[in-house]
Amino acid sequence: MKESHDSTIRLAVTDDISAINKIYNQAVNDGLRTAHTEPVSLKDRRIWFSNHRKDAFPIFIAEINGQIAGWISISPYRSDRQALDEVIEISYYVDYSHHKKGLGSRLMDRALHFCQQAPYRIAGAILISQNQASITLLKKFGFSEGGRIPDAIRYEDTFRDHLYFFKKLQN
């Protein structure tokens, strides 16, 4: 099922922080979707948001009928290491009530379009091995697995691999 034509993708603004955090914490509370075991505070989310300059590391919002349904962020990868300045990390989350409606694809398409216009060479995504929906989305957009740390994630005595996917953006 596809989203209605009333959906838009736009840059995030400060007023979106609470909704961004709510969607992220939905995944945290579900368990084994993020490496967080406790919900992220609104204070920490505000700090995270302030580190995303719109011109270099934007956050895009999917909005449906005035409600935020998902988001995708472009973040520096290991920002303290200058030789990695052309590598970014993409993270994305869709409200569970909007899963399987094409929203993740629309967000990824927008983020990759931005990245291809920016001076980035490689996009990376880091995820947990059981997250088949994310693996499928990443492969759809030409990402490949570039590495894994076996059993790195421990959650309630369950172990999962930490996966690293990448996509070359420019020749």
Protein backbone atom coordinates (compact mmCIF):
# COMPACT_ATOMS: atom_id res chain seq x y z
CA MET A 1 0.00 0.00 0.00
CA LYS A 2 1.37 3.42 -0.94
CA GLU A 3 0.99 6.66 0.99
CA SER A 4 -1.65 9.13 -0.11
CA HIS A 5 -0.74 12.13 -2.22
CA ASP A 6 -1.08 14.27 0.93
CA SER A 7 2.42 13.30 2.05
CA THR A 8 5.44 15.59 1.71
CA ILE A 9 9.14 15.34 2.42
CA ARG A 10 10.66 18.50 3.92
CA LEU A 11 13.56 19.71 6.04
CA ALA A 12 13.08 19.26 9.77
CA VAL A 13 12.63 22.30 12.00
CA THR A 14 13.00 22.71 15.75
CA ASP A 15 9.27 22.14 16.30
CA ASP A 16 9.71 18.61 14.89
CA ILE A 17 12.15 17.41 17.58
CA SER A 18 9.50 15.92 19.86
CA ALA A 19 7.90 13.92 17.03
CA ILE A 20 11.33 12.76 15.78
CA ASN A 21 12.16 11.55 19.27
CA LYS A 22 8.79 9.83 19.71
CA ILE A 23 9.29 7.85 16.48
CA TYR A 24 12.83 6.90 17.46
CA ASN A 25 11.79 5.82 20.95
CA GLN A 26 9.03 3.70 19.42
CA ALA A 27 11.85 1.64 17.87
CA VAL A 28 13.84 1.66 21.13
CA ASN A 29 10.85 0.38 23.09
CA ASP A 30 10.27 -2.37 20.53
CA GLY A 31 13.68 -3.82 21.43
CA LEU A 32 16.55 -4.82 19.14
CA ARG A 33 15.78 -2.08 16.59
CA THR A 34 18.46 0.29 17.84
CA ALA A 35 21.38 -0.25 20.15
CA HIS A 36 19.68 1.88 22.80
CA THR A 37 18.08 -0.05 25.62
CA GLU A 38 16.52 3.05 27.21
CA PRO A 39 14.49 5.77 25.47
CA VAL A 40 16.44 8.84 24.34
CA SER A 41 15.58 11.97 26.33
CA LEU A 42 14.20 15.05 24.64
CA LYS A 43 17.21 16.97 25.96
CA ASP A 44 19.61 14.57 24.21
CA ARG A 45 17.52 14.69 21.03
CA ARG A 46 17.74 18.50 21.03
CA ILE A 47 21.53 18.29 21.24
CA TRP A 48 21.56 15.75 18.39
CA PHE A 49 19.31 18.02 16.32
CA SER A 50 21.54 21.06 16.90
CA ASN A 51 24.49 19.10 15.45
CA HIS A 52 22.70 18.67 12.10
CA ARG A 53 23.41 21.71 9.96
CA LYS A 54 20.80 21.90 7.21
CA ASP A 55 23.38 22.72 4.55
CA ALA A 56 25.65 19.75 5.31
CA PHE A 57 23.82 17.25 7.55
CA PRO A 58 20.08 17.73 7.11
CA ILE A 59 17.21 15.84 8.65
CA PHE A 60 14.27 15.25 6.34
CA ILE A 61 10.74 14.70 7.62
CA ALA A 62 7.92 12.76 6.01
CA GLU A 63 4.70 14.51 6.85
CA ILE A 64 1.23 13.13 6.13
CA ASN A 65 -1.79 15.35 6.61
CA GLY A 66 0.17 17.57 8.99
CA GLN A 67 1.54 14.68 11.08
CA ILE A 68 5.17 13.54 11.12
CA ALA A 69 5.26 9.93 9.96
CA GLY A 70 9.01 9.36 9.62
CA TRP A 71 12.43 10.92 9.26
CA ILE A 72 15.88 10.39 7.83
CA SER A 73 19.10 12.06 8.93
CA ILE A 74 22.46 12.58 7.30
CA SER A 75 25.22 12.63 9.88
CA PRO A 76 28.99 12.87 9.77
CA TYR A 77 30.75 9.54 10.07
CA ARG A 78 33.52 9.72 12.69
CA SER A 79 33.58 13.50 12.49
CA ASP A 80 36.81 13.80 14.43
CA ARG A 81 38.76 12.07 11.62
CA GLN A 82 39.34 14.41 8.71
CA ALA A 83 40.19 11.68 6.17
CA LEU A 84 36.56 10.47 6.55
CA ASP A 85 34.97 13.86 5.76
CA GLU A 86 33.46 12.53 2.52
CA VAL A 87 31.66 9.66 4.29
CA ILE A 88 28.26 10.15 5.91
CA GLU A 89 25.90 7.97 7.91
CA ILE A 90 22.23 7.73 7.07
CA SER A 91 19.70 6.85 9.79
CA TYR A 92 15.95 6.55 9.29
CA TYR A 93 12.85 5.67 11.25
CA VAL A 94 9.20 5.45 10.24
CA ASP A 95 6.30 5.48 12.68
CA TYR A 96 5.00 1.93 12.96
CA SER A 97 1.54 2.97 11.79
CA HIS A 98 3.12 3.97 8.45
CA HIS A 99 5.30 0.92 7.78
CA LYS A 100 5.06 -0.84 4.41
CA LYS A 101 3.61 2.17 2.62
CA GLY A 102 6.68 3.33 0.70
CA LEU A 103 7.62 6.10 3.11
CA GLY A 104 11.09 4.71 3.83
CA SER A 105 11.80 4.65 0.10
CA ARG A 106 10.66 8.24 -0.36
CA LEU A 107 12.85 9.38 2.54
CA MET A 108 15.87 7.43 1.27
CA ASP A 109 15.40 8.81 -2.24
CA ARG A 110 15.40 12.38 -0.89
CA ALA A 111 18.44 11.85 1.33
CA LEU A 112 20.48 10.20 -1.42
CA HIS A 113 19.57 12.97 -3.84
CA PHE A 114 20.94 15.48 -1.33
CA CYS A 115 24.11 13.41 -0.79
CA GLN A 116 24.81 13.14 -4.51
CA GLN A 117 24.68 16.95 -4.79
CA ALA A 118 26.95 17.38 -1.75
CA PRO A 119 30.69 16.61 -1.62
CA TYR A 120 30.13 13.10 -0.25
CA ARG A 121 31.57 9.95 -1.80
CA ILE A 122 30.13 7.23 0.41
CA ALA A 123 26.92 6.80 2.41
CA GLY A 124 26.89 4.29 5.23
CA ALA A 125 24.17 2.81 7.38
CA ILE A 126 24.68 0.87 10.59
CA LEU A 127 22.01 -1.54 11.74
CA ILE A 128 21.18 -4.68 13.65
CA SER A 129 21.16 -7.97 11.74
CA GLN A 130 17.56 -8.89 12.50
CA ASN A 131 16.25 -5.70 10.87
CA GLN A 132 15.26 -7.30 7.57
CA ALA A 133 13.08 -4.35 6.50
CA SER A 134 16.08 -2.00 6.66
CA ILE A 135 18.34 -4.49 4.89
CA THR A 136 15.77 -4.79 2.09
CA LEU A 137 15.45 -1.00 1.80
CA LEU A 138 19.20 -0.47 1.71
CA LYS A 139 19.70 -3.14 -0.96
CA LYS A 140 16.88 -1.61 -3.03
CA PHE A 141 18.90 1.62 -3.12
CA GLY A 142 22.17 -0.08 -4.06
CA PHE A 143 23.79 -0.41 -0.65
CA SER A 144 25.98 -3.45 0.00
CA GLU A 145 27.07 -5.04 3.24
CA GLY A 146 30.58 -3.84 3.98
CA GLY A 147 31.15 -5.44 7.34
CA ARG A 148 29.72 -6.89 10.48
CA ILE A 149 30.64 -7.38 14.08
CA PRO A 150 29.25 -10.77 15.11
CA ASP A 151 27.26 -10.82 18.36
CA ALA A 152 28.09 -7.16 19.09
CA ILE A 153 24.54 -6.34 20.19
CA ARG A 154 23.43 -7.83 23.49
CA TYR A 155 19.85 -7.21 24.51
CA GLU A 156 18.08 -9.28 27.18
CA ASP A 157 20.56 -12.15 26.66
CA THR A 158 19.96 -12.15 22.90
CA PHE A 159 22.92 -11.52 20.63
CA ARG A 160 22.79 -9.98 17.17
CA ASP A 161 25.37 -8.83 14.64
CA HIS A 162 26.05 -5.15 14.03
CA LEU A 163 25.98 -4.60 10.26
CA TYR A 164 27.67 -1.92 8.18
CA PHE A 165 26.17 -1.15 4.77
CA PHE A 166 27.61 1.32 2.27
CA LYS A 167 26.91 2.89 -1.10
CA LYS A 168 29.37 4.78 -3.31
CA LEU A 169 27.69 8.02 -4.31
CA GLN A 170 29.99 9.41 -6.99
CA ASN A 171 32.53 8.01 -9.42
